[in-house]
Amino acid sequence: MTADERPLPFVYQFLAGAVAGISEVLIMYPLDVVKTRMQLQVGTGVQAEYKGVVDCFSKIIRKEGFGKLYRGIIPPILMEAPKRATKFAANGEWGKFYRKQFGMEKMNQPLSVLTGATAGATEAFVVVPFELIKIRMQDKNSKYKGAWDTLSSTIKGEGIKSLYNGLESTIWRQSIWNAGYFGVIFQVKSLLPTPMNKSEQTRNDLIGGFIGGTVGTMLNTPLDVIKSRIQSSPRKPGVAPKYNWAIPSLVTVAKEEGFRALYKGFMPKVLRLGPGGGIMLVVYNSTMDFFREMYYKDKTPEIKNSN
């Protein structure tokens, strides 16, 4: 068994996922703000305030200041540790579960897709409250003073259950992205030359993660648009929300704004999650390698003797 394949306890997978997630959000967060702004604007063409990624960036910086590109970053920082940790750890644990259930010694393409989708659904339950706070802070019309004000005002005005508004659409979004991400990574890595050293392993991780992140984004962007719309609007007693369940909301947006509206914010999203997917995979695997080196350091003699 190679060093890269040696198993580690769940806690190490969780910590490595946390490190990977926080690294990605610190580097790529401004693109997430731009993506959300573009997803929340209603209308297309001349009606749209933001004409594209560069236009959105420039208008935010010019009219609101550079700091606005990092508005709402506290919830993602707090979220990224459990979110990405859950993503990678759940993917690992569900992979073990499915291999056992289907009697498979190693992962294959269908199992990678199934495992990714299940890990995504698991991840959704962790991320929804953080996503809701983040979306409401990123909105151009946000009147909240900060993360705590957003949280307390939401609970006070709509009840604590409102923190899980958009859960269904988030499950769809996370499941589809993770299925594409991990499924594509498996396929891409199987087509790349077997890495002979650390630099070649990093290269494969960057390529696999980049392509996986791009494909996942292409597949799940419509659900991400809907999720943003659902979570951005406060609920009012006795008033049916315009956006509530995923499929009806998809139909509403496509009917009122055209099919292309379902891909609003796609460019900043793919610019973030393509490279971001590569960054996450490299950091995750590098952190896991570090943990393996530490964990097995005192166990090497035992392993050699057992052989």
Foldseek 3Di string as FASTA:
>chain_A
DDLLPDDDDLVLLLQLQLQLQLVLCVVQQLLVLLLLQQLQDDADDPSDPAPDSVSSQVCCCVPPNPCLSCALVVLSNVLRSRLRSLQRSQLVVVLVVVCVVVVHPDDDLVSQLVSQLVSQLVSLVRCQLSVLLSLLRSHPPRPAPGSVSSQVCLCVQANPCLSCQLSQLSSVLRSLLRSQLRSQLRVQLVVDPDDPDDVVVLVSLQQSQLRSQLRSLVRRQLSVSLSSNRSNDRDDPPDDDPRGHRPVSSVVCCVRHNNCSSCGSSVSSSVSRNSSRSSSRSSSSVSSSVVSCVVCVVVVVVVVVVD
